[in-house]
Amino acid sequence: MTDLSRLDSEVRRRRTFAIISHPDAGKTTLTEKLLLFSGAIQIAGSVKARKAARHATSDWMEIEKQRGISVASSVMQMEYRDCVINLLDTPGHQDFSEDTYRVLTAVDAALMVIDAANGVEPQTRRLLQVCRARNTPILTFVNKMDREVKDPLALMDELEQELGMAICPFTWPVGMGKQFGGVMDLRARTMRVFAPGEDRAGGDEELITDLDNPAHESRFGMAWGQAQGELELVREAATPFEHSEFLAGHQTPMFFGSAINNFGVREVLDALVELAPPPGERAALQRVVAPTEKKFSGVVFKIQANMDPAHRDRIAFVRVASGHFERGMKLKVTRTGKDFRPNTVVSFLSQRRELLEEAFGGDIIGIPNHGVLHLGDTLTEGEPLQFTGLPFFAPEMFRNVEVADPLKTKQLRAGLQQLGEEGAIQVFRPMAGSVLMLGAVGQLQFEVVAHRLEHEYGVKARIQPCRFQVARWVTADDENELKKFIAANDHRMALDAVDAPTILVEYAPELRAIQENWPKIHFHALREHAGLVFQKRMDG
């Protein structure tokens, strides 16, 4: 097989998707069960803490284990049915939505988990809007059918109304809660009978192939007749599934199940392989890049510090956009123009790492580094490309941060620099004054940063109220005009993690007045670090 035909074949095998949901919908549980069915792990809860309490394989941070929530995205790679699946588990909590938004720029599809008892919840809506804006194909898994939940027809109607897209059921439940009998596969016309699962994949599963047999009604009771009646309505009212409409983000196939019982998971995994698209083209400022191009290119969409506390490392997660990556090959960071040869590139199954020899378009690779790579950086074999679309949102909450022990000021600044670079929090250095400021979307981010500073960097920090409430990044077409603006407002100016100038004000009316007084200055609530830094370097 020639290099180009192998490259094309490997790219077609890739499926890269994120799992998204509102908190507590069962997203991390489903992630683990997908790993289980693919054979990537043998027992659920592979990460164990004291007293042998099980924690999800994808939740590796100590604070995640303590609180039972995901606060950072996890990246996992597995093989299933001759496909290489790159699976990204994202935080559900809205305070960490910025991390999730950035992860969604690196995937080709999303698996949305819905709590069948609660339906569409606020965070689900927000994440869906991001997917819709990018035309990301979405599969929907309705979870927790082994509990008393909403009527499936009502749930389907709610999903269509709330999500603004056609729902195409691929499976349908027979009963719910204690009467949950299983799910019918509407395409295969079979029924998989529900039995509470163990934390292992496989085992004997009962499959009913004759759905017209009247004996089933005596076995499953009223739930059987009700499901048959619902299916008649679904066949009449539901939009027929069209793969092109799914790929365009206009339709979502819907599956029912119970992730905690390993039920309905296999159908979702099969659908991801069959329906989700292989890697597609990605837009750079200069041109559109195809995944099957011979030359390597990739973009850093996430940085995580201290995944291995013993080594205090920082992993840059890179989405391979094109070409064939080989360990030790020479790459250029287009932001700085510097070359480097990554020799310890890794793939992940949560904390478990494997040294990576090669990767192809669509893969997610981890490059350990010490501040060389930043969020939004593009890596190439030399071509000056810059991929776009990595969002940074203006913070909604601010705090001052000081070190409890003045002798540890240096550690505080080093820790905050690393946490700022990975996007866990936004760190601002005032141009006038020495007290650092933190910006966040929600209160939980401050708590996580304080916890990580203490346990990962050995620094106890005091996080205190701050008078500022609004931040905007500032740019100008005329460099001298920007310098004049900064000089006139230096008492409320700060620099962020990449030295982008930011104005901080106490009230929104104050910002409006400043905007009126400085019409040549551009104020940005969204900073796309991608293009800004690169363009500055190329222009300068």
Protein backbone atom coordinates (compact mmCIF):
# COMPACT_ATOMS: atom_id res chain seq x y z
CA MET A 1 0.00 0.00 0.00
CA THR A 2 1.43 3.42 -0.97
CA ASP A 3 1.86 6.14 1.66
CA LEU A 4 -1.07 8.18 0.28
CA SER A 5 -3.46 5.22 0.02
CA ARG A 6 -2.54 4.15 3.58
CA LEU A 7 -3.08 7.72 4.78
CA ASP A 8 -6.50 7.84 3.13
CA SER A 9 -7.42 4.45 4.62
CA GLU A 10 -6.31 5.41 8.15
CA VAL A 11 -8.21 8.72 8.06
CA ARG A 12 -11.41 6.94 6.98
CA ARG A 13 -11.08 4.63 10.04
CA ARG A 14 -11.12 7.56 12.51
CA ARG A 15 -14.15 8.66 14.54
CA THR A 16 -13.55 11.59 16.88
CA PHE A 17 -16.43 12.68 19.10
CA ALA A 18 -17.25 14.36 22.41
CA ILE A 19 -19.84 13.33 24.99
CA ILE A 20 -21.88 16.31 26.22
CA SER A 21 -24.68 16.73 28.75
CA HIS A 22 -26.06 18.60 31.72
CA PRO A 23 -24.44 17.55 35.03
CA ASP A 24 -25.60 14.21 36.43
CA ALA A 25 -27.19 12.98 33.21
CA GLY A 26 -24.81 9.99 33.27
CA LYS A 27 -22.24 11.21 30.75
CA THR A 28 -19.12 9.93 32.50
CA THR A 29 -20.84 6.60 33.25
CA LEU A 30 -21.71 6.22 29.57
CA THR A 31 -18.11 7.09 28.63
CA GLU A 32 -16.87 4.28 30.81
CA LYS A 33 -19.37 1.77 29.45
CA LEU A 34 -18.38 2.64 25.87
CA LEU A 35 -14.80 1.83 26.84
CA LEU A 36 -16.07 -1.38 28.41
CA PHE A 37 -17.91 -2.55 25.29
CA SER A 38 -14.99 -1.67 23.04
CA GLY A 39 -12.72 -3.86 25.17
CA ALA A 40 -10.52 -0.91 26.19
CA ILE A 41 -11.12 -1.69 29.88
CA GLN A 42 -12.26 -4.89 31.58
CA ILE A 43 -13.99 -3.52 34.67
CA ALA A 44 -15.80 -0.25 35.26
CA GLY A 45 -14.39 2.14 37.84
CA SER A 46 -10.79 1.29 37.00
CA VAL A 47 -9.48 4.26 38.96
CA LYS A 48 -9.66 3.32 42.63
CA ALA A 49 -9.18 5.51 45.67
CA ARG A 50 -8.86 4.68 49.34
CA LYS A 51 -11.28 2.07 50.69
CA ALA A 52 -11.41 0.71 47.12
CA ALA A 53 -14.16 3.16 46.22
CA ARG A 54 -14.62 3.14 42.44
CA HIS A 55 -14.34 6.28 40.39
CA ALA A 56 -14.91 6.78 36.70
CA THR A 57 -11.93 5.96 34.50
CA SER A 58 -12.15 9.36 32.83
CA ASP A 59 -12.21 11.37 36.09
CA TRP A 60 -8.56 11.48 37.21
CA MET A 61 -8.26 14.69 39.26
CA GLU A 62 -8.39 14.30 43.03
CA ILE A 63 -11.12 16.93 43.33
CA GLU A 64 -13.19 15.06 40.71
CA LYS A 65 -13.01 11.89 42.79
CA GLN A 66 -14.00 13.78 45.94
CA ARG A 67 -16.97 15.60 44.40
CA GLY A 68 -18.09 13.01 41.87
CA ILE A 69 -18.14 15.51 39.00
CA SER A 70 -15.96 16.06 35.94
CA VAL A 71 -14.11 19.38 36.00
CA ALA A 72 -11.72 18.72 33.11
CA SER A 73 -12.07 17.09 29.73
CA SER A 74 -10.58 13.62 29.36
CA VAL A 75 -9.26 12.12 26.15
CA MET A 76 -9.40 8.39 25.40
CA GLN A 77 -8.57 6.32 22.35
CA MET A 78 -9.89 2.84 21.61
CA GLU A 79 -10.54 0.50 18.68
CA TYR A 80 -13.92 -0.98 17.78
CA ARG A 81 -15.02 -2.75 14.61
CA ASP A 82 -11.84 -1.77 12.75
CA CYS A 83 -12.36 1.90 13.64
CA VAL A 84 -10.09 4.03 15.80
CA ILE A 85 -12.31 6.00 18.17
CA ASN A 86 -11.07 9.17 19.84
CA LEU A 87 -13.51 9.84 22.67
CA LEU A 88 -13.53 13.09 24.67
CA ASP A 89 -15.47 13.20 27.93
CA THR A 90 -16.29 16.82 28.83
CA PRO A 91 -17.29 18.59 32.06
CA GLY A 92 -21.05 18.85 32.41
CA HIS A 93 -21.03 21.65 35.00
CA GLN A 94 -21.67 25.06 33.43
CA ASP A 95 -18.77 26.62 35.38
CA PHE A 96 -16.42 24.63 33.14
CA SER A 97 -18.26 25.19 29.86
CA GLU A 98 -15.33 27.11 28.32
CA ASP A 99 -13.24 23.93 28.40
CA THR A 100 -16.11 22.04 26.79
CA TYR A 101 -16.53 24.66 24.06
CA ARG A 102 -12.86 24.35 23.16
CA VAL A 103 -13.09 20.55 23.06
CA LEU A 104 -16.04 20.80 20.67
CA THR A 105 -13.76 22.56 18.15
CA ALA A 106 -11.63 19.40 18.01
CA VAL A 107 -14.32 16.79 17.25
CA ASP A 108 -16.31 15.67 14.22
CA ALA A 109 -19.46 14.57 16.09
CA ALA A 110 -21.08 14.75 19.53
CA LEU A 111 -23.00 12.26 21.65
CA MET A 112 -25.61 14.08 23.73
CA VAL A 113 -26.78 12.36 26.92
CA ILE A 114 -30.28 13.22 28.17
CA ASP A 115 -31.59 12.34 31.63
CA ALA A 116 -34.95 10.73 30.80
CA ALA A 117 -36.47 12.10 34.02
CA ASN A 118 -35.40 15.71 33.43
CA GLY A 119 -35.45 16.11 29.66
CA VAL A 120 -33.60 19.03 28.11
CA GLU A 121 -31.74 21.02 30.79
CA PRO A 122 -30.01 24.43 30.55
CA GLN A 123 -26.45 23.23 29.99
CA THR A 124 -27.68 20.83 27.29
CA ARG A 125 -29.17 23.80 25.43
CA ARG A 126 -25.96 25.83 25.66
CA LEU A 127 -23.77 23.00 24.41
CA LEU A 128 -26.18 22.19 21.64
CA GLN A 129 -26.03 25.81 20.44
CA VAL A 130 -22.26 25.45 20.10
CA CYS A 131 -22.69 22.23 18.11
CA ARG A 132 -25.35 23.80 15.91
CA ALA A 133 -23.14 26.84 15.23
CA ARG A 134 -20.45 24.45 13.95
CA ASN A 135 -22.94 22.09 12.18
CA THR A 136 -21.60 19.24 14.32
CA PRO A 137 -23.59 15.99 13.85
CA ILE A 138 -25.25 14.86 17.11
CA LEU A 139 -26.41 11.45 18.33
CA THR A 140 -28.77 11.41 21.34
CA PHE A 141 -28.78 8.83 24.14
CA VAL A 142 -31.75 8.97 26.54
CA ASN A 143 -30.41 7.57 29.79
CA LYS A 144 -31.82 6.14 33.03
CA MET A 145 -34.77 4.25 31.55
CA ASP A 146 -34.55 1.84 34.51
CA ARG A 147 -36.09 4.65 36.63
CA GLU A 148 -39.49 6.33 36.63
CA VAL A 149 -39.04 8.90 33.86
CA LYS A 150 -40.93 11.02 31.35
CA ASP A 151 -43.14 9.38 28.74
CA PRO A 152 -40.93 8.66 25.67
CA LEU A 153 -43.34 10.36 23.23
CA ALA A 154 -43.46 13.48 25.41
CA LEU A 155 -39.70 13.38 25.70
CA MET A 156 -39.31 13.09 21.94
CA ASP A 157 -41.64 16.08 21.42
CA GLU A 158 -39.74 18.12 24.02
CA LEU A 159 -36.43 17.33 22.35
CA GLU A 160 -37.70 18.41 18.95
CA GLN A 161 -39.13 21.66 20.33
CA GLU A 162 -36.14 22.54 22.50
CA LEU A 163 -33.36 21.45 20.17
CA GLY A 164 -34.88 22.67 16.95
CA MET A 165 -33.94 19.54 15.04
CA ALA A 166 -35.76 16.45 13.82
CA ILE A 167 -35.62 13.42 16.16
CA CYS A 168 -35.24 10.02 14.50
CA PRO A 169 -35.70 7.13 16.99
CA PHE A 170 -33.40 4.19 16.27
CA THR A 171 -34.48 2.30 19.40
CA TRP A 172 -37.66 2.47 21.48
CA PRO A 173 -38.23 1.49 25.12
CA VAL A 174 -40.66 -1.09 26.39
CA GLY A 175 -41.73 0.27 29.77
CA MET A 176 -39.67 2.19 32.32
CA GLY A 177 -38.55 1.89 35.92
CA LYS A 178 -39.43 -1.47 37.49
CA GLN A 179 -41.42 -2.35 34.35
CA PHE A 180 -38.53 -1.59 31.98
CA GLY A 181 -38.44 -4.63 29.68
CA GLY A 182 -35.81 -3.53 27.16
CA VAL A 183 -35.47 -1.64 23.89
CA MET A 184 -36.62 -2.43 20.37
CA ASP A 185 -34.19 -1.85 17.53
CA LEU A 186 -36.44 -0.20 14.93
CA ARG A 187 -34.13 -0.90 12.00
CA ALA A 188 -33.35 -4.55 12.78
CA ARG A 189 -36.87 -5.20 14.15
CA THR A 190 -35.47 -6.99 17.19
CA MET A 191 -35.71 -6.40 20.93
CA ARG A 192 -32.89 -6.63 23.43
CA VAL A 193 -34.34 -7.74 26.78
CA PHE A 194 -33.25 -5.72 29.79
CA ALA A 195 -31.46 -7.34 32.71
CA PRO A 196 -29.64 -5.27 35.36
CA GLY A 197 -25.98 -5.36 34.31
CA GLU A 198 -22.70 -6.04 35.99
CA ASP A 199 -19.72 -3.75 35.55
CA ARG A 200 -18.47 -5.99 32.77
CA ALA A 201 -19.21 -6.23 29.09
CA GLY A 202 -20.43 -9.35 27.34
CA GLY A 203 -22.36 -12.17 28.88
CA ASP A 204 -25.54 -13.77 27.59
CA GLU A 205 -28.09 -11.29 26.29
CA GLU A 206 -31.57 -12.26 25.28
CA LEU A 207 -32.56 -11.04 21.82
CA ILE A 208 -36.16 -11.31 20.60
CA THR A 209 -36.38 -11.52 16.81
CA ASP A 210 -40.14 -12.10 16.40
CA LEU A 211 -41.78 -8.85 17.51
CA ASP A 212 -45.23 -9.93 16.20
CA ASN A 213 -45.54 -12.86 18.62
CA PRO A 214 -48.60 -12.23 20.85
CA ALA A 215 -46.89 -14.12 23.71
CA HIS A 216 -44.74 -11.08 24.39
CA GLU A 217 -47.76 -9.19 25.76
CA SER A 218 -48.23 -11.69 28.57
CA ARG A 219 -44.54 -11.49 29.39
CA PHE A 220 -44.11 -7.69 29.37
CA GLY A 221 -47.67 -6.75 30.34
CA MET A 222 -49.15 -3.34 29.58
CA ALA A 223 -45.75 -1.95 28.71
CA TRP A 224 -45.66 -4.08 25.55
CA GLY A 225 -49.02 -2.85 24.22
CA GLN A 226 -48.16 0.74 25.09
CA ALA A 227 -44.82 0.52 23.26
CA GLN A 228 -46.53 -0.94 20.18
CA GLY A 229 -49.07 1.92 20.18
CA GLU A 230 -46.31 4.51 20.57
CA LEU A 231 -44.40 2.97 17.69
CA GLU A 232 -47.43 3.32 15.40
CA LEU A 233 -47.51 7.05 16.18
CA VAL A 234 -43.74 7.35 15.73
CA ARG A 235 -43.86 5.67 12.31
CA GLU A 236 -46.56 8.11 11.17
CA ALA A 237 -45.11 11.29 12.66
CA ALA A 238 -41.34 10.89 12.80
CA THR A 239 -39.10 12.27 10.07
CA PRO A 240 -37.41 9.49 8.07
CA PHE A 241 -33.70 9.36 8.83
CA GLU A 242 -31.41 10.78 6.15
CA HIS A 243 -27.68 10.49 6.67
CA SER A 244 -26.97 13.78 4.87
CA GLU A 245 -29.38 15.63 7.18
CA PHE A 246 -27.68 14.07 10.21
CA LEU A 247 -24.24 15.12 8.94
CA ALA A 248 -25.54 18.66 8.43
CA GLY A 249 -26.74 18.79 12.06
CA HIS A 250 -30.47 18.88 11.14
CA GLN A 251 -31.43 15.41 12.44
CA THR A 252 -30.37 13.41 15.48
CA PRO A 253 -30.81 9.64 15.83
CA MET A 254 -32.19 8.82 19.30
CA PHE A 255 -31.37 5.78 21.47
CA PHE A 256 -32.80 4.69 24.84
CA GLY A 257 -31.03 2.78 27.59
CA SER A 258 -29.47 2.64 31.03
CA ALA A 259 -25.74 3.37 31.03
CA ILE A 260 -25.22 2.23 34.61
CA ASN A 261 -26.63 -1.18 33.64
CA ASN A 262 -24.62 -1.38 30.39
CA PHE A 263 -27.92 -1.39 28.54
CA GLY A 264 -28.38 0.26 25.14
CA VAL A 265 -24.68 1.10 25.02
CA ARG A 266 -23.74 -1.36 22.27
CA GLU A 267 -26.33 0.17 19.91
CA VAL A 268 -24.84 3.65 20.48
CA LEU A 269 -21.30 2.40 19.86
CA ASP A 270 -22.38 0.69 16.64
CA ALA A 271 -24.17 3.84 15.49
CA LEU A 272 -21.11 5.99 16.16
CA VAL A 273 -19.02 3.74 13.92
CA GLU A 274 -21.68 3.54 11.20
CA LEU A 275 -23.08 7.08 11.18
CA ALA A 276 -20.50 9.52 12.57
CA PRO A 277 -18.30 11.08 9.89
CA PRO A 278 -14.57 10.48 9.48
CA PRO A 279 -12.35 13.58 9.88
CA GLY A 280 -13.24 16.42 7.55
CA GLU A 281 -11.60 19.58 6.25
CA ARG A 282 -10.51 22.28 8.72
CA ALA A 283 -10.30 26.01 8.00
CA ALA A 284 -7.06 27.89 8.60
CA LEU A 285 -6.63 31.63 8.12
CA GLN A 286 -4.66 30.95 4.95
CA ARG A 287 -6.61 28.07 3.36
CA VAL A 288 -8.74 24.98 3.96
CA VAL A 289 -6.75 21.91 5.02
CA ALA A 290 -7.84 18.39 4.03
CA PRO A 291 -7.14 15.52 6.47
CA THR A 292 -5.62 13.35 3.73
CA GLU A 293 -2.92 15.88 2.81
CA LYS A 294 0.55 14.35 3.07
CA LYS A 295 2.07 17.05 5.32
CA PHE A 296 1.24 17.04 9.04
CA SER A 297 -0.69 19.86 10.69
CA GLY A 298 -2.48 20.08 14.03
CA VAL A 299 -3.89 22.50 16.58
CA VAL A 300 -3.56 22.63 20.39
CA PHE A 301 -7.12 22.73 21.74
CA LYS A 302 -6.41 21.85 25.37
CA ILE A 303 -3.54 21.98 27.86
CA GLN A 304 -3.60 20.05 31.12
CA ALA A 305 -1.06 20.55 33.90
CA ASN A 306 -0.03 17.88 36.40
CA MET A 307 -1.71 14.84 34.88
CA ASP A 308 1.31 13.05 36.35
CA PRO A 309 1.93 14.85 39.69
CA ALA A 310 5.30 13.09 40.06
CA HIS A 311 6.65 14.88 36.98
CA ARG A 312 4.76 18.21 37.15
CA ASP A 313 4.25 17.95 33.42
CA ARG A 314 2.01 19.86 31.06
CA ILE A 315 0.31 17.95 28.26
CA ALA A 316 -0.73 19.81 25.11
CA PHE A 317 -3.61 17.96 23.47
CA VAL A 318 -3.34 18.30 19.70
CA ARG A 319 -6.04 17.49 17.18
CA VAL A 320 -4.28 16.14 14.09
CA ALA A 321 -5.80 18.07 11.19
CA SER A 322 -3.85 16.47 8.36
CA GLY A 323 -1.07 14.14 7.40
CA HIS A 324 0.89 11.42 9.13
CA PHE A 325 2.50 12.18 12.48
CA GLU A 326 5.64 10.20 13.38
CA ARG A 327 7.39 10.38 16.73
CA GLY A 328 10.52 12.55 16.57
CA MET A 329 9.54 14.37 13.35
CA LYS A 330 10.48 18.05 13.12
CA LEU A 331 7.53 20.39 13.71
CA LYS A 332 7.19 24.17 13.70
CA VAL A 333 5.10 26.19 16.18
CA THR A 334 3.70 28.86 13.85
CA ARG A 335 3.05 31.33 16.68
CA THR A 336 6.75 31.53 17.57
CA GLY A 337 8.37 30.20 14.40
CA LYS A 338 10.39 27.76 16.52
CA ASP A 339 11.11 24.15 15.56
CA PHE A 340 11.02 21.18 17.92
CA ARG A 341 11.03 17.37 17.77
CA PRO A 342 8.47 15.75 20.10
CA ASN A 343 9.88 12.37 21.16
CA THR A 344 7.54 11.44 24.03
CA VAL A 345 4.17 11.88 22.35
CA VAL A 346 1.42 9.86 24.06
CA SER A 347 -2.11 8.59 23.57
CA PHE A 348 -4.43 8.22 26.55
CA LEU A 349 -6.88 6.04 28.31
CA SER A 350 -7.56 8.53 31.11
CA GLN A 351 -4.35 8.54 33.21
CA ARG A 352 -2.93 5.49 31.48
CA ARG A 353 -0.52 6.61 28.79
CA GLU A 354 1.00 4.79 25.87
CA LEU A 355 3.96 6.05 23.90
CA LEU A 356 2.75 6.91 20.43
CA GLU A 357 4.74 6.08 17.31
CA GLU A 358 2.34 7.54 14.75
CA ALA A 359 -1.02 9.25 14.32
CA PHE A 360 -3.30 10.34 11.48
CA GLY A 361 -5.87 13.02 10.71
CA GLY A 362 -8.60 12.99 13.36
CA ASP A 363 -6.43 11.55 16.15
CA ILE A 364 -5.84 13.33 19.45
CA ILE A 365 -2.22 13.20 20.61
CA GLY A 366 -0.63 14.45 23.82
CA ILE A 367 2.69 16.31 23.72
CA PRO A 368 4.39 16.79 27.11
CA ASN A 369 6.05 20.21 27.25
CA HIS A 370 7.06 22.95 29.66
CA GLY A 371 5.32 26.05 28.37
CA VAL A 372 6.46 25.70 24.74
CA LEU A 373 2.90 25.14 23.48
CA HIS A 374 -0.11 27.35 24.23
CA LEU A 375 -3.82 26.97 23.60
CA GLY A 376 -4.59 27.73 19.97
CA ASP A 377 -1.08 26.97 18.70
CA THR A 378 -0.83 25.42 15.24
CA LEU A 379 1.88 22.84 14.50
CA THR A 380 3.03 22.15 10.94
CA GLU A 381 6.00 20.75 9.05
CA GLY A 382 6.92 24.31 8.12
CA GLU A 383 3.93 25.90 6.36
CA PRO A 384 2.78 29.11 8.14
CA LEU A 385 -0.78 28.00 8.87
CA GLN A 386 -3.03 29.13 11.71
CA PHE A 387 -6.23 27.27 12.54
CA THR A 388 -9.06 29.36 13.93
CA GLY A 389 -12.10 28.89 16.11
CA LEU A 390 -10.69 28.34 19.63
CA PRO A 391 -12.84 30.55 21.89
CA PHE A 392 -11.95 32.47 25.06
CA PHE A 393 -14.92 34.18 26.71
CA ALA A 394 -14.82 37.34 28.80
CA PRO A 395 -15.10 36.29 32.48
CA GLU A 396 -18.32 36.93 34.38
CA MET A 397 -16.78 36.81 37.88
CA PHE A 398 -13.52 38.22 39.26
CA ARG A 399 -11.42 37.64 42.36
CA ASN A 400 -8.11 38.94 43.69
CA VAL A 401 -5.62 36.24 44.64
CA GLU A 402 -2.79 36.49 47.14
CA VAL A 403 -0.48 33.93 48.67
CA ALA A 404 -0.97 33.08 52.36
CA ASP A 405 2.80 32.59 52.83
CA PRO A 406 4.80 35.46 51.20
CA LEU A 407 7.77 33.12 50.78
CA LYS A 408 5.72 31.15 48.25
CA THR A 409 4.91 34.08 45.96
CA LYS A 410 7.05 32.60 43.20
CA GLN A 411 5.21 29.24 43.39
CA LEU A 412 1.85 31.06 43.27
CA ARG A 413 2.78 32.93 40.11
CA ALA A 414 4.19 29.78 38.48
CA GLY A 415 1.07 27.79 39.38
CA LEU A 416 -1.31 30.46 38.14
CA GLN A 417 0.68 30.85 34.93
CA GLN A 418 0.31 27.13 34.22
CA LEU A 419 -3.37 27.03 35.17
CA GLY A 420 -3.96 30.12 33.02
CA GLU A 421 -2.17 28.53 30.07
CA GLU A 422 -4.32 25.41 30.29
CA GLY A 423 -7.49 27.55 30.38
CA ALA A 424 -8.66 26.32 33.81
CA ILE A 425 -8.99 29.97 34.88
CA GLN A 426 -8.20 33.32 33.32
CA VAL A 427 -5.33 35.15 35.03
CA PHE A 428 -4.88 38.91 34.69
CA ARG A 429 -1.78 40.92 35.68
CA PRO A 430 -2.74 44.56 36.39
CA MET A 431 -0.53 47.14 34.71
CA ALA A 432 -0.73 49.22 37.90
CA GLY A 433 -0.45 47.13 41.08
CA SER A 434 0.90 43.74 41.99
CA VAL A 435 -2.18 41.75 43.09
CA LEU A 436 -3.11 39.14 40.49
CA MET A 437 -6.73 38.78 39.43
CA LEU A 438 -8.65 35.67 38.43
CA GLY A 439 -11.55 35.64 35.99
CA ALA A 440 -14.06 32.80 35.73
CA VAL A 441 -17.46 31.82 34.39
CA GLY A 442 -18.61 30.40 37.74
CA GLN A 443 -17.74 30.17 41.42
CA LEU A 444 -16.72 26.51 41.23
CA GLN A 445 -13.75 27.44 39.04
CA PHE A 446 -12.26 29.50 41.89
CA GLU A 447 -12.72 26.60 44.30
CA VAL A 448 -11.03 24.17 41.91
CA VAL A 449 -8.10 26.54 41.33
CA ALA A 450 -7.60 27.04 45.08
CA HIS A 451 -7.68 23.25 45.57
CA ARG A 452 -5.22 22.62 42.74
CA LEU A 453 -2.84 25.38 43.90
CA GLU A 454 -2.69 23.78 47.33
CA HIS A 455 -2.49 20.12 46.30
CA GLU A 456 -0.52 20.34 43.04
CA TYR A 457 1.74 23.35 43.69
CA GLY A 458 1.93 23.40 47.49
CA VAL A 459 0.59 26.96 47.68
CA LYS A 460 -2.26 28.02 49.94
CA ALA A 461 -3.93 30.97 48.25
CA ARG A 462 -6.32 33.61 49.58
CA ILE A 463 -9.04 34.26 47.01
CA GLN A 464 -10.80 37.51 47.88
CA PRO A 465 -13.51 39.79 46.47
CA CYS A 466 -12.59 42.05 43.58
CA ARG A 467 -14.19 45.35 42.59
CA PHE A 468 -14.23 44.61 38.86
CA GLN A 469 -17.24 42.99 37.21
CA VAL A 470 -16.71 43.39 33.46
CA ALA A 471 -13.71 42.67 31.19
CA ARG A 472 -13.10 43.27 27.50
CA TRP A 473 -10.07 42.59 25.35
CA VAL A 474 -9.02 45.66 23.37
CA THR A 475 -7.45 46.03 19.92
CA ALA A 476 -7.10 48.89 17.42
CA ASP A 477 -6.29 49.26 13.74
CA ASP A 478 -3.77 51.97 14.70
CA GLU A 479 -1.06 50.78 17.12
CA ASN A 480 -0.44 54.33 18.38
CA GLU A 481 -4.13 54.76 19.19
CA LEU A 482 -4.01 51.56 21.26
CA LYS A 483 -0.93 52.81 23.14
CA LYS A 484 -2.70 56.11 23.91
CA PHE A 485 -5.76 54.24 25.17
CA ILE A 486 -3.69 51.98 27.43
CA ALA A 487 -1.76 54.93 28.85
CA ALA A 488 -4.96 56.87 29.60
CA ASN A 489 -6.58 53.85 31.29
CA ASP A 490 -3.57 52.16 32.92
CA HIS A 491 -5.31 52.06 36.32
CA ARG A 492 -7.86 49.58 34.93
CA MET A 493 -5.75 47.77 32.33
CA ALA A 494 -4.36 44.26 32.70
CA LEU A 495 -2.59 41.63 30.58
CA ASP A 496 -3.92 38.09 30.29
CA ALA A 497 -2.02 34.78 29.97
CA VAL A 498 -0.86 35.63 26.42
CA ASP A 499 -0.26 39.33 27.16
CA ALA A 500 -3.41 40.47 25.38
CA PRO A 501 -4.41 43.92 26.79
CA THR A 502 -7.69 43.86 28.72
CA ILE A 503 -9.75 46.62 30.26
CA LEU A 504 -11.51 45.88 33.58
CA VAL A 505 -14.41 48.01 34.82
CA GLU A 506 -16.81 47.91 37.75
CA TYR A 507 -20.08 48.44 35.88
CA ALA A 508 -21.42 47.94 32.36
CA PRO A 509 -22.44 51.66 32.00
CA GLU A 510 -18.82 52.59 32.70
CA LEU A 511 -17.72 50.39 29.79
CA ARG A 512 -20.30 51.99 27.48
CA ALA A 513 -18.97 55.45 28.36
CA ILE A 514 -15.39 54.38 27.61
CA GLN A 515 -16.48 52.91 24.26
CA GLU A 516 -18.15 56.19 23.29
CA ASN A 517 -15.03 58.18 24.23
CA TRP A 518 -12.71 55.88 22.27
CA PRO A 519 -14.48 55.08 18.96
CA LYS A 520 -11.27 53.81 17.30
CA ILE A 521 -10.75 51.10 19.91
CA HIS A 522 -12.33 47.66 19.41
CA PHE A 523 -13.74 45.96 22.54
CA HIS A 524 -14.04 42.15 22.42
CA ALA A 525 -16.14 39.88 24.66
CA LEU A 526 -14.62 36.90 22.84
CA ARG A 527 -10.92 36.48 22.21
CA GLU A 528 -9.91 34.01 19.57
CA HIS A 529 -6.30 33.63 20.65
CA ALA A 530 -5.70 31.67 17.46
CA GLY A 531 -5.60 34.38 14.83
CA LEU A 532 -4.66 37.36 17.02
CA VAL A 533 -1.22 36.27 18.22
CA PHE A 534 -0.26 34.72 14.89
CA GLN A 535 -1.28 37.77 12.86
CA LYS A 536 0.64 40.07 15.22
CA ARG A 537 3.80 37.98 14.72
CA MET A 538 3.42 37.82 10.93
CA ASP A 539 2.73 41.57 10.70
CA GLY A 540 5.58 42.46 13.05
